Amino acid sequence: MIRIWARTVVDGKITRSYIYESIDNFVEDKFHAHIEKMCHELDIPTPAILKSHITNYVDFNNAVFLPRDFVESIDFDKFIIENASVSN
């Protein structure tokens, strides 16, 4: 099961927040699909996903998307995703 906390930040303050859950296990090939669903729920554009975003999520349990990662204009400074799964 995947559980990811997605949020947008402006001047260090959270402006949108969403907990995404999926029964799927994490697979790098489906990372983009998960990001698309989170962005849809937050009503923000989907960013360009680089290998470094996937690597940061896998290695450090989070990834940060900056304005340069979006093709469309955005109203926030950062889009952050963080692994929120509780391990037993």
PDB file of N, CA and C in Angstrom:
ATOM      1  N   MET A   1       0.841  -1.190   0.000  1.00  0.00           N
ATOM      2  CA  MET A   1       0.000   0.000   0.000  1.00  0.00           C
ATOM      3  C   MET A   1       0.881   1.245   0.000  1.00  0.00           C
ATOM      4  N   ILE A   2       0.459   2.222  -0.747  1.00  0.00           N
ATOM      5  CA  ILE A   2       1.167   3.496  -0.820  1.00  0.00           C
ATOM      6  C   ILE A   2       0.339   4.548  -0.098  1.00  0.00           C
ATOM      7  N   ARG A   3       1.029   5.360   0.665  1.00  0.00           N
ATOM      8  CA  ARG A   3       0.385   6.502   1.315  1.00  0.00           C
ATOM      9  C   ARG A   3       1.359   7.667   1.212  1.00  0.00           C
ATOM     10  N   ILE A   4       0.932   8.743   0.536  1.00  0.00           N
ATOM     11  CA  ILE A   4       1.812   9.877   0.277  1.00  0.00           C
ATOM     12  C   ILE A   4       1.116  11.164   0.708  1.00  0.00           C
ATOM     13  N   TRP A   5       1.853  11.988   1.437  1.00  0.00           N
ATOM     14  CA  TRP A   5       1.354  13.306   1.816  1.00  0.00           C
ATOM     15  C   TRP A   5       1.835  14.288   0.759  1.00  0.00           C
ATOM     16  N   ALA A   6       0.916  14.894   0.046  1.00  0.00           N
ATOM     17  CA  ALA A   6       1.234  15.874  -0.994  1.00  0.00           C
ATOM     18  C   ALA A   6       0.787  17.247  -0.510  1.00  0.00           C
ATOM     19  N   ARG A   7       1.631  18.261  -0.738  1.00  0.00           N
ATOM     20  CA  ARG A   7       1.273  19.598  -0.286  1.00  0.00           C
ATOM     21  C   ARG A   7       1.941  20.669  -1.131  1.00  0.00           C
ATOM     22  N   THR A   8       1.283  21.812  -1.200  1.00  0.00           N
ATOM     23  CA  THR A   8       1.882  22.975  -1.840  1.00  0.00           C
ATOM     24  C   THR A   8       2.268  23.954  -0.737  1.00  0.00           C
ATOM     25  N   VAL A   9       3.346  24.704  -0.991  1.00  0.00           N
ATOM     26  CA  VAL A   9       3.884  25.609   0.014  1.00  0.00           C
ATOM     27  C   VAL A   9       4.123  26.978  -0.611  1.00  0.00           C
ATOM     28  N   VAL A  10       3.718  28.025   0.111  1.00  0.00           N
ATOM     29  CA  VAL A  10       3.988  29.410  -0.276  1.00  0.00           C
ATOM     30  C   VAL A  10       4.614  30.101   0.937  1.00  0.00           C
ATOM     31  N   ASP A  11       5.787  30.666   0.749  1.00  0.00           N
ATOM     32  CA  ASP A  11       6.495  31.362   1.838  1.00  0.00           C
ATOM     33  C   ASP A  11       6.593  30.508   3.101  1.00  0.00           C
ATOM     34  N   GLY A  12       6.856  29.223   2.935  1.00  0.00           N
ATOM     35  CA  GLY A  12       7.031  28.318   4.063  1.00  0.00           C
ATOM     36  C   GLY A  12       5.744  27.844   4.713  1.00  0.00           C
ATOM     37  N   LYS A  13       4.585  28.228   4.176  1.00  0.00           N
ATOM     38  CA  LYS A  13       3.309  27.822   4.754  1.00  0.00           C
ATOM     39  C   LYS A  13       2.566  26.897   3.798  1.00  0.00           C
ATOM     40  N   ILE A  14       1.965  25.869   4.345  1.00  0.00           N
ATOM     41  CA  ILE A  14       1.196  24.917   3.552  1.00  0.00           C
ATOM     42  C   ILE A  14      -0.104  25.573   3.088  1.00  0.00           C
ATOM     43  N   THR A  15      -0.330  25.540   1.772  1.00  0.00           N
ATOM     44  CA  THR A  15      -1.547  26.135   1.225  1.00  0.00           C
ATOM     45  C   THR A  15      -2.563  25.087   0.775  1.00  0.00           C
ATOM     46  N   ARG A  16      -2.088  23.919   0.390  1.00  0.00           N
ATOM     47  CA  ARG A  16      -2.961  22.794   0.035  1.00  0.00           C
ATOM     48  C   ARG A  16      -2.314  21.535   0.604  1.00  0.00           C
ATOM     49  N   SER A  17      -3.153  20.601   1.005  1.00  0.00           N
ATOM     50  CA  SER A  17      -2.625  19.359   1.563  1.00  0.00           C
ATOM     51  C   SER A  17      -3.563  18.217   1.197  1.00  0.00           C
ATOM     52  N   TYR A  18      -2.986  17.067   0.903  1.00  0.00           N
ATOM     53  CA  TYR A  18      -3.791  15.906   0.505  1.00  0.00           C
ATOM     54  C   TYR A  18      -3.016  14.637   0.847  1.00  0.00           C
ATOM     55  N   ILE A  19      -3.701  13.676   1.440  1.00  0.00           N
ATOM     56  CA  ILE A  19      -3.112  12.361   1.692  1.00  0.00           C
ATOM     57  C   ILE A  19      -3.613  11.425   0.602  1.00  0.00           C
ATOM     58  N   TYR A  20      -2.683  10.968  -0.215  1.00  0.00           N
ATOM     59  CA  TYR A  20      -2.995  10.063  -1.321  1.00  0.00           C
ATOM     60  C   TYR A  20      -2.772   8.632  -0.854  1.00  0.00           C
ATOM     61  N   GLU A  21      -3.725   7.763  -1.142  1.00  0.00           N
ATOM     62  CA  GLU A  21      -3.589   6.351  -0.795  1.00  0.00           C
ATOM     63  C   GLU A  21      -3.899   5.487  -2.008  1.00  0.00           C
ATOM     64  N   SER A  22      -3.126   4.427  -2.148  1.00  0.00           N
ATOM     65  CA  SER A  22      -3.346   3.467  -3.222  1.00  0.00           C
ATOM     66  C   SER A  22      -3.012   2.081  -2.684  1.00  0.00           C
ATOM     67  N   ILE A  23      -3.767   1.104  -3.117  1.00  0.00           N
ATOM     68  CA  ILE A  23      -3.512  -0.263  -2.661  1.00  0.00           C
ATOM     69  C   ILE A  23      -2.305  -0.876  -3.371  1.00  0.00           C
ATOM     70  N   ASP A  24      -1.834  -0.224  -4.428  1.00  0.00           N
ATOM     71  CA  ASP A  24      -0.670  -0.713  -5.160  1.00  0.00           C
ATOM     72  C   ASP A  24       0.592  -0.600  -4.308  1.00  0.00           C
ATOM     73  N   ASN A  25       1.547  -1.469  -4.573  1.00  0.00           N
ATOM     74  CA  ASN A  25       2.875  -1.308  -4.002  1.00  0.00           C
ATOM     75  C   ASN A  25       3.627  -0.302  -4.856  1.00  0.00           C
ATOM     76  N   PHE A  26       4.634   0.353  -4.288  1.00  0.00           N
ATOM     77  CA  PHE A  26       5.365   1.363  -5.032  1.00  0.00           C
ATOM     78  C   PHE A  26       6.194   0.709  -6.135  1.00  0.00           C
ATOM     79  N   VAL A  27       5.994   1.218  -7.350  1.00  0.00           N
ATOM     80  CA  VAL A  27       6.766   0.794  -8.520  1.00  0.00           C
ATOM     81  C   VAL A  27       7.152   2.073  -9.255  1.00  0.00           C
ATOM     82  N   GLU A  28       8.433   2.225  -9.546  1.00  0.00           N
ATOM     83  CA  GLU A  28       8.915   3.442 -10.192  1.00  0.00           C
ATOM     84  C   GLU A  28       8.189   3.743 -11.499  1.00  0.00           C
ATOM     85  N   ASP A  29       7.815   2.709 -12.238  1.00  0.00           N
ATOM     86  CA  ASP A  29       7.138   2.898 -13.523  1.00  0.00           C
ATOM     87  C   ASP A  29       5.766   3.553 -13.381  1.00  0.00           C
ATOM     88  N   LYS A  30       5.150   3.453 -12.215  1.00  0.00           N
ATOM     89  CA  LYS A  30       3.831   4.039 -11.996  1.00  0.00           C
ATOM     90  C   LYS A  30       3.894   5.357 -11.225  1.00  0.00           C
ATOM     91  N   PHE A  31       5.094   5.856 -10.970  1.00  0.00           N
ATOM     92  CA  PHE A  31       5.270   7.090 -10.201  1.00  0.00           C
ATOM     93  C   PHE A  31       4.506   8.246 -10.838  1.00  0.00           C
ATOM     94  N   HIS A  32       4.605   8.375 -12.149  1.00  0.00           N
ATOM     95  CA  HIS A  32       3.941   9.472 -12.853  1.00  0.00           C
ATOM     96  C   HIS A  32       2.425   9.403 -12.676  1.00  0.00           C
ATOM     97  N   ALA A  33       1.860   8.228 -12.747  1.00  0.00           N
ATOM     98  CA  ALA A  33       0.410   8.070 -12.586  1.00  0.00           C
ATOM     99  C   ALA A  33      -0.040   8.500 -11.189  1.00  0.00           C
ATOM    100  N   HIS A  34       0.749   8.162 -10.180  1.00  0.00           N
ATOM    101  CA  HIS A  34       0.419   8.570  -8.811  1.00  0.00           C
ATOM    102  C   HIS A  34       0.492  10.091  -8.672  1.00  0.00           C
ATOM    103  N   ILE A  35       1.513  10.699  -9.245  1.00  0.00           N
ATOM    104  CA  ILE A  35       1.666  12.156  -9.192  1.00  0.00           C
ATOM    105  C   ILE A  35       0.475  12.826  -9.891  1.00  0.00           C
ATOM    106  N   GLU A  36       0.086  12.301 -11.048  1.00  0.00           N
ATOM    107  CA  GLU A  36      -1.065  12.863 -11.772  1.00  0.00           C
ATOM    108  C   GLU A  36      -2.323  12.864 -10.908  1.00  0.00           C
ATOM    109  N   LYS A  37      -2.569  11.771 -10.210  1.00  0.00           N
ATOM    110  CA  LYS A  37      -3.763  11.670  -9.363  1.00  0.00           C
ATOM    111  C   LYS A  37      -3.704  12.668  -8.208  1.00  0.00           C
ATOM    112  N   MET A  38      -2.527  12.814  -7.599  1.00  0.00           N
ATOM    113  CA  MET A  38      -2.381  13.783  -6.502  1.00  0.00           C
ATOM    114  C   MET A  38      -2.618  15.207  -6.999  1.00  0.00           C
ATOM    115  N   CYS A  39      -2.032  15.532  -8.137  1.00  0.00           N
ATOM    116  CA  CYS A  39      -2.185  16.871  -8.697  1.00  0.00           C
ATOM    117  C   CYS A  39      -3.633  17.152  -9.062  1.00  0.00           C
ATOM    118  N   HIS A  40      -4.324  16.153  -9.577  1.00  0.00           N
ATOM    119  CA  HIS A  40      -5.741  16.312  -9.906  1.00  0.00           C
ATOM    120  C   HIS A  40      -6.541  16.647  -8.652  1.00  0.00           C
ATOM    121  N   GLU A  41      -6.283  15.921  -7.571  1.00  0.00           N
ATOM    122  CA  GLU A  41      -7.006  16.158  -6.314  1.00  0.00           C
ATOM    123  C   GLU A  41      -6.695  17.531  -5.729  1.00  0.00           C
ATOM    124  N   LEU A  42      -5.461  18.005  -5.905  1.00  0.00           N
ATOM    125  CA  LEU A  42      -5.064  19.319  -5.400  1.00  0.00           C
ATOM    126  C   LEU A  42      -5.415  20.445  -6.369  1.00  0.00           C
ATOM    127  N   ASP A  43      -5.877  20.083  -7.559  1.00  0.00           N
ATOM    128  CA  ASP A  43      -6.227  21.040  -8.605  1.00  0.00           C
ATOM    129  C   ASP A  43      -5.033  21.907  -8.995  1.00  0.00           C
ATOM    130  N   ILE A  44      -3.916  21.223  -9.267  1.00  0.00           N
ATOM    131  CA  ILE A  44      -2.705  21.893  -9.734  1.00  0.00           C
ATOM    132  C   ILE A  44      -2.213  21.177 -10.986  1.00  0.00           C
ATOM    133  N   PRO A  45      -1.394  21.852 -11.808  1.00  0.00           N
ATOM    134  CA  PRO A  45      -0.853  21.177 -12.991  1.00  0.00           C
ATOM    135  C   PRO A  45       0.099  20.053 -12.590  1.00  0.00           C
ATOM    136  N   THR A  46       0.264  19.085 -13.459  1.00  0.00           N
ATOM    137  CA  THR A  46       1.207  17.999 -13.221  1.00  0.00           C
ATOM    138  C   THR A  46       2.607  18.449 -13.636  1.00  0.00           C
ATOM    139  N   PRO A  47       3.590  18.268 -12.762  1.00  0.00           N
ATOM    140  CA  PRO A  47       4.946  18.698 -13.104  1.00  0.00           C
ATOM    141  C   PRO A  47       5.646  17.709 -14.029  1.00  0.00           C
ATOM    142  N   ALA A  48       6.724  18.172 -14.619  1.00  0.00           N
ATOM    143  CA  ALA A  48       7.608  17.261 -15.350  1.00  0.00           C
ATOM    144  C   ALA A  48       8.361  16.456 -14.295  1.00  0.00           C
ATOM    145  N   ILE A  49       8.375  15.160 -14.459  1.00  0.00           N
ATOM    146  CA  ILE A  49       9.012  14.293 -13.465  1.00  0.00           C
ATOM    147  C   ILE A  49      10.348  13.830 -14.005  1.00  0.00           C
ATOM    148  N   LEU A  50      11.395  14.163 -13.284  1.00  0.00           N
ATOM    149  CA  LEU A  50      12.752  13.789 -13.665  1.00  0.00           C
ATOM    150  C   LEU A  50      13.190  12.564 -12.878  1.00  0.00           C
ATOM    151  N   LYS A  51      14.215  11.924 -13.359  1.00  0.00           N
ATOM    152  CA  LYS A  51      14.777  10.765 -12.654  1.00  0.00           C
ATOM    153  C   LYS A  51      15.194  11.165 -11.237  1.00  0.00           C
ATOM    154  N   SER A  52      15.677  12.397 -11.076  1.00  0.00           N
ATOM    155  CA  SER A  52      16.108  12.856  -9.747  1.00  0.00           C
ATOM    156  C   SER A  52      14.936  12.915  -8.758  1.00  0.00           C
ATOM    157  N   HIS A  53      13.737  13.231  -9.234  1.00  0.00           N
ATOM    158  CA  HIS A  53      12.569  13.234  -8.348  1.00  0.00           C
ATOM    159  C   HIS A  53      12.278  11.817  -7.850  1.00  0.00           C
ATOM    160  N   ILE A  54      12.323  10.875  -8.762  1.00  0.00           N
ATOM    161  CA  ILE A  54      12.068   9.478  -8.389  1.00  0.00           C
ATOM    162  C   ILE A  54      13.149   8.977  -7.440  1.00  0.00           C
ATOM    163  N   THR A  55      14.391   9.287  -7.747  1.00  0.00           N
ATOM    164  CA  THR A  55      15.507   8.866  -6.898  1.00  0.00           C
ATOM    165  C   THR A  55      15.383   9.461  -5.502  1.00  0.00           C
ATOM    166  N   ASN A  56      15.053  10.751  -5.410  1.00  0.00           N
ATOM    167  CA  ASN A  56      14.887  11.376  -4.091  1.00  0.00           C
ATOM    168  C   ASN A  56      13.758  10.730  -3.314  1.00  0.00           C
ATOM    169  N   TYR A  57      12.656  10.404  -3.991  1.00  0.00           N
ATOM    170  CA  TYR A  57      11.541   9.768  -3.299  1.00  0.00           C
ATOM    171  C   TYR A  57      11.944   8.376  -2.795  1.00  0.00           C
ATOM    172  N   VAL A  58      12.614   7.621  -3.629  1.00  0.00           N
ATOM    173  CA  VAL A  58      13.024   6.263  -3.252  1.00  0.00           C
ATOM    174  C   VAL A  58      14.068   6.299  -2.129  1.00  0.00           C
ATOM    175  N   ASP A  59      15.065   7.164  -2.271  1.00  0.00           N
ATOM    176  CA  ASP A  59      16.173   7.199  -1.308  1.00  0.00           C
ATOM    177  C   ASP A  59      15.857   7.963  -0.024  1.00  0.00           C
ATOM    178  N   PHE A  60      15.088   9.045  -0.129  1.00  0.00           N
ATOM    179  CA  PHE A  60      14.875   9.932   1.017  1.00  0.00           C
ATOM    180  C   PHE A  60      13.412  10.069   1.441  1.00  0.00           C
ATOM    181  N   ASN A  61      12.513   9.334   0.781  1.00  0.00           N
ATOM    182  CA  ASN A  61      11.080   9.343   1.106  1.00  0.00           C
ATOM    183  C   ASN A  61      10.385  10.675   0.853  1.00  0.00           C
ATOM    184  N   ASN A  62      10.992  11.544   0.047  1.00  0.00           N
ATOM    185  CA  ASN A  62      10.308  12.772  -0.344  1.00  0.00           C
ATOM    186  C   ASN A  62      10.878  13.298  -1.653  1.00  0.00           C
ATOM    187  N   ALA A  63      10.115  14.147  -2.286  1.00  0.00           N
ATOM    188  CA  ALA A  63      10.555  14.810  -3.519  1.00  0.00           C
ATOM    189  C   ALA A  63       9.940  16.200  -3.539  1.00  0.00           C
ATOM    190  N   VAL A  64      10.721  17.154  -4.020  1.00  0.00           N
ATOM    191  CA  VAL A  64      10.276  18.544  -4.077  1.00  0.00           C
ATOM    192  C   VAL A  64      10.251  18.991  -5.535  1.00  0.00           C
ATOM    193  N   PHE A  65       9.128  19.537  -5.946  1.00  0.00           N
ATOM    194  CA  PHE A  65       8.969  20.072  -7.296  1.00  0.00           C
ATOM    195  C   PHE A  65       8.925  21.594  -7.188  1.00  0.00           C
ATOM    196  N   LEU A  66       9.768  22.264  -7.941  1.00  0.00           N
ATOM    197  CA  LEU A  66       9.866  23.725  -7.941  1.00  0.00           C
ATOM    198  C   LEU A  66       9.156  24.293  -9.162  1.00  0.00           C
ATOM    199  N   PRO A  67       8.947  25.610  -9.222  1.00  0.00           N
ATOM    200  CA  PRO A  67       8.257  26.194 -10.378  1.00  0.00           C
ATOM    201  C   PRO A  67       8.874  25.814 -11.725  1.00  0.00           C
ATOM    202  N   ARG A  68      10.167  25.625 -11.779  1.00  0.00           N
ATOM    203  CA  ARG A  68      10.812  25.260 -13.043  1.00  0.00           C
ATOM    204  C   ARG A  68      10.415  23.861 -13.530  1.00  0.00           C
ATOM    205  N   ASP A  69       9.812  23.056 -12.660  1.00  0.00           N
ATOM    206  CA  ASP A  69       9.377  21.708 -13.026  1.00  0.00           C
ATOM    207  C   ASP A  69       7.980  21.691 -13.651  1.00  0.00           C
ATOM    208  N   PHE A  70       7.327  22.846 -13.708  1.00  0.00           N
ATOM    209  CA  PHE A  70       5.982  22.951 -14.253  1.00  0.00           C
ATOM    210  C   PHE A  70       6.001  23.729 -15.559  1.00  0.00           C
ATOM    211  N   VAL A  71       5.234  23.275 -16.530  1.00  0.00           N
ATOM    212  CA  VAL A  71       5.114  23.984 -17.798  1.00  0.00           C
ATOM    213  C   VAL A  71       4.157  25.158 -17.635  1.00  0.00           C
ATOM    214  N   GLU A  72       3.080  24.943 -16.896  1.00  0.00           N
ATOM    215  CA  GLU A  72       2.077  25.977 -16.666  1.00  0.00           C
ATOM    216  C   GLU A  72       2.486  26.848 -15.481  1.00  0.00           C
ATOM    217  N   SER A  73       1.898  28.034 -15.401  1.00  0.00           N
ATOM    218  CA  SER A  73       2.183  28.894 -14.252  1.00  0.00           C
ATOM    219  C   SER A  73       1.491  28.315 -13.017  1.00  0.00           C
ATOM    220  N   ILE A  74       2.116  28.522 -11.866  1.00  0.00           N
ATOM    221  CA  ILE A  74       1.586  27.988 -10.610  1.00  0.00           C
ATOM    222  C   ILE A  74       1.516  29.106  -9.574  1.00  0.00           C
ATOM    223  N   ASP A  75       0.729  28.887  -8.534  1.00  0.00           N
ATOM    224  CA  ASP A  75       0.554  29.888  -7.490  1.00  0.00           C
ATOM    225  C   ASP A  75       1.193  29.460  -6.165  1.00  0.00           C
ATOM    226  N   PHE A  76       2.248  28.667  -6.237  1.00  0.00           N
ATOM    227  CA  PHE A  76       2.946  28.205  -5.039  1.00  0.00           C
ATOM    228  C   PHE A  76       4.442  28.132  -5.312  1.00  0.00           C
ATOM    229  N   ASP A  77       5.219  28.027  -4.230  1.00  0.00           N
ATOM    230  CA  ASP A  77       6.680  27.988  -4.341  1.00  0.00           C
ATOM    231  C   ASP A  77       7.223  26.568  -4.508  1.00  0.00           C
ATOM    232  N   LYS A  78       6.547  25.614  -3.871  1.00  0.00           N
ATOM    233  CA  LYS A  78       6.991  24.224  -3.908  1.00  0.00           C
ATOM    234  C   LYS A  78       5.791  23.289  -3.877  1.00  0.00           C
ATOM    235  N   PHE A  79       5.947  22.158  -4.528  1.00  0.00           N
ATOM    236  CA  PHE A  79       5.017  21.042  -4.415  1.00  0.00           C
ATOM    237  C   PHE A  79       5.846  19.914  -3.826  1.00  0.00           C
ATOM    238  N   ILE A  80       5.475  19.466  -2.646  1.00  0.00           N
ATOM    239  CA  ILE A  80       6.268  18.469  -1.925  1.00  0.00           C
ATOM    240  C   ILE A  80       5.442  17.202  -1.753  1.00  0.00           C
ATOM    241  N   ILE A  81       6.066  16.074  -2.021  1.00  0.00           N
ATOM    242  CA  ILE A  81       5.429  14.797  -1.713  1.00  0.00           C
ATOM    243  C   ILE A  81       6.326  14.078  -0.710  1.00  0.00           C
ATOM    244  N   GLU A  82       5.692  13.392   0.207  1.00  0.00           N
ATOM    245  CA  GLU A  82       6.444  12.704   1.264  1.00  0.00           C
ATOM    246  C   GLU A  82       5.763  11.386   1.586  1.00  0.00           C
ATOM    247  N   ASN A  83       6.554  10.354   1.724  1.00  0.00           N
ATOM    248  CA  ASN A  83       6.031   9.041   2.069  1.00  0.00           C
ATOM    249  C   ASN A  83       5.377   9.127   3.448  1.00  0.00           C
ATOM    250  N   ALA A  84       4.118   8.774   3.533  1.00  0.00           N
ATOM    251  CA  ALA A  84       3.381   8.818   4.797  1.00  0.00           C
ATOM    252  C   ALA A  84       2.967   7.435   5.247  1.00  0.00           C
ATOM    253  N   SER A  85       3.550   6.403   4.656  1.00  0.00           N
ATOM    254  CA  SER A  85       3.227   5.032   5.047  1.00  0.00           C
ATOM    255  C   SER A  85       3.812   4.742   6.413  1.00  0.00           C
ATOM    256  N   VAL A  86       3.037   4.050   7.208  1.00  0.00           N
ATOM    257  CA  VAL A  86       3.507   3.650   8.533  1.00  0.00           C
ATOM    258  C   VAL A  86       4.011   2.223   8.413  1.00  0.00           C
ATOM    259  N   SER A  87       5.274   2.030   8.748  1.00  0.00           N
ATOM    260  CA  SER A  87       5.821   0.666   8.682  1.00  0.00           C
ATOM    261  C   SER A  87       5.688  -0.011  10.024  1.00  0.00           C
ATOM    262  N   ASN A  88       5.382  -1.291   9.992  1.00  0.00           N
ATOM    263  CA  ASN A  88       5.194  -2.058  11.224  1.00  0.00           C
ATOM    264  C   ASN A  88       6.475  -2.706  11.651  1.00  0.00           C
TER     265      ASN A  88
END
